[in-house]
């Protein structure tokens, strides 16, 4: 019996070992070739946003563990300390860009399973009270049929708290960094008492400028959350 690679659809060969003969094995969603094309983010990174430092021009590195973007966020009193950390799993190269585009924009929901094992590995290392997916506007949800952030959490077997409501409907991907930062607040919190003094994990697919995640974190903290950490598949 074969599983099939969710990306290239070839059969995934079973690799018999003593451990695999007697113990149940977690499902494998990518063949070895496709698995090897995903580039895990490795140190040295910016400790705030997970940006890989090795490929970053020196003028964008403030110190060993901080990139210029994150320094700018922290120098702005409106955003200082809003997002405690972003943890991204993979570099956003052409291979991952294609997978996320098919998953997010072309309705290939099953591709969210590719990231479930890695998401679980990270979640187990974190102390949290609630997992909150970044919501879509109602219009975008109708277009896509599902929220990609909720899908990532669900396929990883995580229970989420549907507490954020998106009030702004324009596509963020078409906006510049400055336009995103200057946007009026795009989220509201539905039930503030539910997150009072809690540590929150925000789930989303990509960290690009960090604006969307910071808007969400700002409202969660305003509603009483103790800390907000983001977990994203890709660091754009």
Protein backbone atom coordinates (compact mmCIF):
# COMPACT_ATOMS: atom_id res chain seq x y z
CA UNK A 1 0.00 0.00 0.00
CA UNK A 2 1.31 3.46 -0.91
CA UNK A 3 0.67 6.96 0.27
CA UNK A 4 0.94 9.60 -2.44
CA UNK A 5 2.93 12.81 -2.31
CA UNK A 6 0.49 15.70 -1.92
CA UNK A 7 2.68 17.89 -4.09
CA UNK A 8 3.90 15.78 -7.04
CA UNK A 9 1.47 12.83 -6.56
CA UNK A 10 4.02 10.04 -6.97
CA UNK A 11 3.72 7.04 -4.60
CA UNK A 12 5.69 7.37 -1.37
CA UNK A 13 7.66 4.18 -0.89
CA UNK A 14 7.44 2.49 2.52
CA UNK A 15 10.86 2.28 4.15
CA UNK A 16 10.91 -0.92 6.27
CA UNK A 17 12.96 -0.67 9.47
CA UNK A 18 12.70 -2.51 12.78
CA UNK A 19 11.01 0.51 14.35
CA UNK A 20 8.48 0.87 11.52
CA UNK A 21 7.54 -2.81 11.62
CA UNK A 22 6.25 -2.73 15.20
CA UNK A 23 5.28 0.87 15.91
CA UNK A 24 2.58 2.93 14.20
CA UNK A 25 4.17 5.59 12.02
CA UNK A 26 2.83 9.10 11.46
CA UNK A 27 1.50 9.65 7.93
CA UNK A 28 3.96 11.02 5.38
CA UNK A 29 2.57 13.68 3.06
CA UNK A 30 5.56 14.46 0.84
CA UNK A 31 7.99 12.26 -1.04
CA UNK A 32 11.65 12.62 -0.09
CA UNK A 33 12.41 14.81 -3.11
CA UNK A 34 9.66 17.30 -2.28
CA UNK A 35 10.43 17.17 1.45
CA UNK A 36 14.02 18.12 0.69
CA UNK A 37 12.88 21.17 -1.28
CA UNK A 38 11.39 22.74 1.85
CA UNK A 39 14.09 24.87 3.49
CA UNK A 40 13.72 24.95 7.29
CA UNK A 41 14.65 28.27 8.86
CA UNK A 42 17.87 27.84 10.80
CA UNK A 43 20.05 30.00 13.01
CA UNK A 44 21.24 32.68 12.82
CA UNK A 45 17.84 34.36 12.68
CA UNK A 46 16.21 37.53 13.96
CA UNK A 47 14.81 36.41 17.31
CA UNK A 48 11.73 38.58 16.86
CA UNK A 49 10.57 37.69 13.33
CA UNK A 50 12.55 34.51 12.38
CA UNK A 51 14.19 36.22 9.41
CA UNK A 52 17.29 34.25 8.31
CA UNK A 53 20.28 36.54 8.82
CA UNK A 54 22.78 34.80 6.53
CA UNK A 55 21.01 35.97 3.36
CA UNK A 56 20.33 39.47 4.64
CA UNK A 57 22.49 42.43 3.51
CA UNK A 58 24.61 43.74 6.40
CA UNK A 59 22.82 47.10 6.42
CA UNK A 60 19.60 45.28 7.41
CA UNK A 61 21.18 43.65 10.46
CA UNK A 62 21.14 45.84 13.58
CA UNK A 63 22.75 43.27 15.87
CA UNK A 64 23.29 39.53 15.86
CA UNK A 65 19.70 38.69 16.81
CA UNK A 66 17.73 41.69 15.47
CA UNK A 67 16.91 42.81 11.93
CA UNK A 68 16.31 46.41 10.87
CA UNK A 69 12.56 45.85 10.26
CA UNK A 70 11.99 44.66 13.82
CA UNK A 71 14.05 47.53 15.21
CA UNK A 72 11.79 49.96 13.30
CA UNK A 73 8.67 48.34 14.74
CA UNK A 74 10.10 48.55 18.27
CA UNK A 75 11.10 52.20 17.86
CA UNK A 76 7.49 53.10 17.03
CA UNK A 77 5.70 53.64 20.36
CA UNK A 78 2.41 52.55 18.80
CA UNK A 79 3.83 49.08 18.05
CA UNK A 80 6.56 48.60 20.65
CA UNK A 81 6.23 45.22 22.41
CA UNK A 82 2.96 44.37 20.64
CA UNK A 83 4.12 41.09 19.07
CA UNK A 84 6.41 39.14 21.37
CA UNK A 85 7.77 36.84 18.68
CA UNK A 86 7.07 35.25 15.31
CA UNK A 87 8.20 31.67 14.70
CA UNK A 88 8.31 30.68 11.03
CA UNK A 89 8.96 27.14 9.82
CA UNK A 90 10.34 27.55 6.30
CA UNK A 91 11.95 30.03 3.95
CA UNK A 92 9.48 31.45 1.42
CA UNK A 93 11.21 30.37 -1.80
CA UNK A 94 9.58 29.56 -5.17
CA UNK A 95 8.80 25.96 -4.19
CA UNK A 96 6.93 26.93 -1.01
CA UNK A 97 5.34 29.92 -2.73
CA UNK A 98 3.75 27.56 -5.26
CA UNK A 99 2.44 25.20 -2.56
CA UNK A 100 0.93 28.04 -0.53
CA UNK A 101 -0.64 29.63 -3.64
CA UNK A 102 -2.32 26.33 -4.57
CA UNK A 103 -3.48 25.82 -0.99
CA UNK A 104 -4.62 29.37 -0.33
CA UNK A 105 -5.92 30.69 -3.65
CA UNK A 106 -6.81 27.56 -5.64
CA UNK A 107 -8.65 25.68 -2.91
CA UNK A 108 -6.25 22.75 -2.52
CA UNK A 109 -7.12 22.38 1.16
CA UNK A 110 -5.34 19.05 1.64
CA UNK A 111 -1.94 20.72 1.19
CA UNK A 112 -2.30 22.12 4.72
CA UNK A 113 -1.43 18.62 5.98
CA UNK A 114 2.13 19.03 4.72
CA UNK A 115 2.86 21.36 7.64
CA UNK A 116 0.94 19.55 10.40
CA UNK A 117 3.86 17.58 11.89
CA UNK A 118 6.17 20.59 12.06
CA UNK A 119 3.44 22.82 13.53
CA UNK A 120 2.85 20.21 16.24
CA UNK A 121 6.56 19.99 17.03
CA UNK A 122 6.71 23.76 17.61
CA UNK A 123 3.43 23.97 19.54
CA UNK A 124 4.69 21.39 22.04
CA UNK A 125 7.59 23.68 22.94
CA UNK A 126 5.34 26.67 23.69
CA UNK A 127 3.39 27.63 26.79
CA UNK A 128 -0.03 28.99 25.78
CA UNK A 129 -3.62 29.41 26.84
CA UNK A 130 -5.29 29.73 23.43
CA UNK A 131 -4.54 29.30 19.73
CA UNK A 132 -6.12 32.00 17.56
CA UNK A 133 -6.14 31.85 13.73
CA UNK A 134 -5.87 35.12 11.80
CA UNK A 135 -9.40 35.54 10.37
CA UNK A 136 -10.44 36.39 6.83
CA UNK A 137 -13.10 38.94 5.98
CA UNK A 138 -16.50 37.40 5.18
CA UNK A 139 -16.00 38.35 1.53
CA UNK A 140 -12.61 36.58 1.31
CA UNK A 141 -13.97 33.55 3.18
CA UNK A 142 -16.78 33.21 0.64
CA UNK A 143 -14.24 33.45 -2.20
CA UNK A 144 -11.88 30.78 -0.85
CA UNK A 145 -14.30 28.49 0.95
CA UNK A 146 -12.05 28.17 4.01
CA UNK A 147 -9.67 30.17 6.17
CA UNK A 148 -6.10 29.00 5.52
CA UNK A 149 -4.96 29.79 9.08
CA UNK A 150 -7.79 27.71 10.59
CA UNK A 151 -7.03 24.91 8.12
CA UNK A 152 -3.38 24.79 9.21
CA UNK A 153 -4.42 24.55 12.87
CA UNK A 154 -7.17 21.98 12.24
CA UNK A 155 -4.96 19.67 10.19
CA UNK A 156 -2.40 19.79 12.99
CA UNK A 157 -5.16 18.65 15.36
CA UNK A 158 -5.21 21.90 17.32
CA UNK A 159 -8.23 23.41 19.03
CA UNK A 160 -8.64 27.06 18.09
CA UNK A 161 -10.43 29.99 19.68
CA UNK A 162 -12.46 31.94 17.13
CA UNK A 163 -12.17 35.27 18.91
CA UNK A 164 -10.89 37.71 16.28
CA UNK A 165 -13.17 39.41 13.75
CA UNK A 166 -11.74 41.07 10.66
CA UNK A 167 -13.28 44.46 9.91
CA UNK A 168 -11.10 45.49 6.95
CA UNK A 169 -11.72 43.77 3.61
CA UNK A 170 -8.97 45.05 1.26
CA UNK A 171 -6.28 42.55 0.23
CA UNK A 172 -3.12 43.13 2.30
CA UNK A 173 -0.85 41.52 -0.32
CA UNK A 174 -1.42 44.46 -2.68
CA UNK A 175 -0.32 47.06 -0.11
CA UNK A 176 3.17 48.37 0.57
CA UNK A 177 4.74 48.04 4.00
CA UNK A 178 3.98 51.69 4.77
CA UNK A 179 0.35 51.37 3.66
CA UNK A 180 -0.12 48.31 5.88
CA UNK A 181 1.38 50.03 8.92
CA UNK A 182 -0.83 53.09 8.46
CA UNK A 183 -4.06 51.11 8.13
CA UNK A 184 -6.74 51.72 10.70
CA UNK A 185 -7.19 48.75 13.04
CA UNK A 186 -8.43 45.77 11.00
CA UNK A 187 -9.48 43.45 13.85
CA UNK A 188 -11.80 43.43 16.81
CA UNK A 189 -11.93 40.92 19.69
CA UNK A 190 -15.33 39.24 20.11
CA UNK A 191 -15.10 37.99 23.72
CA UNK A 192 -12.33 39.81 25.62
CA UNK A 193 -12.84 38.01 28.99
CA UNK A 194 -11.91 34.68 27.32
CA UNK A 195 -8.30 35.77 26.82
CA UNK A 196 -7.69 37.80 29.96
CA UNK A 197 -4.11 37.16 31.19
CA UNK A 198 -3.65 34.35 28.65
CA UNK A 199 -0.64 33.63 26.44
CA UNK A 200 -1.91 33.56 22.86
CA UNK A 201 -0.51 31.85 19.78
CA UNK A 202 -1.56 33.47 16.51
CA UNK A 203 -1.58 31.14 13.49
CA UNK A 204 -1.13 32.35 9.90
CA UNK A 205 0.45 31.16 6.66
CA UNK A 206 3.09 33.84 5.91
CA UNK A 207 4.93 36.55 7.82
CA UNK A 208 5.73 39.28 5.28
CA UNK A 209 5.89 42.77 6.82
CA UNK A 210 4.45 41.63 10.17
CA UNK A 211 1.71 44.25 9.94
CA UNK A 212 -1.30 41.88 9.98
CA UNK A 213 0.04 39.91 12.93
CA UNK A 214 0.84 43.09 14.88
CA UNK A 215 -2.63 44.52 14.26
CA UNK A 216 -4.09 41.29 15.66
CA UNK A 217 -1.65 41.16 18.59
CA UNK A 218 -2.38 44.79 19.48
CA UNK A 219 -6.10 44.11 19.84
CA UNK A 220 -5.52 40.88 21.78
CA UNK A 221 -3.27 42.67 24.25
CA UNK A 222 -5.69 45.57 24.51
CA UNK A 223 -8.34 42.96 25.42
CA UNK A 224 -6.14 41.62 28.22
CA UNK A 225 -3.86 38.97 26.68
CA UNK A 226 -0.59 38.58 28.56
CA UNK A 227 1.61 37.70 25.56
CA UNK A 228 1.18 37.05 21.82
CA UNK A 229 3.43 34.78 19.78
CA UNK A 230 2.82 34.15 16.07
CA UNK A 231 3.40 30.79 14.38
CA UNK A 232 3.63 30.98 10.59
CA UNK A 233 4.54 28.48 7.89
CA UNK A 234 6.75 30.85 5.88
CA UNK A 235 8.93 33.89 6.49
CA UNK A 236 8.52 36.04 3.38
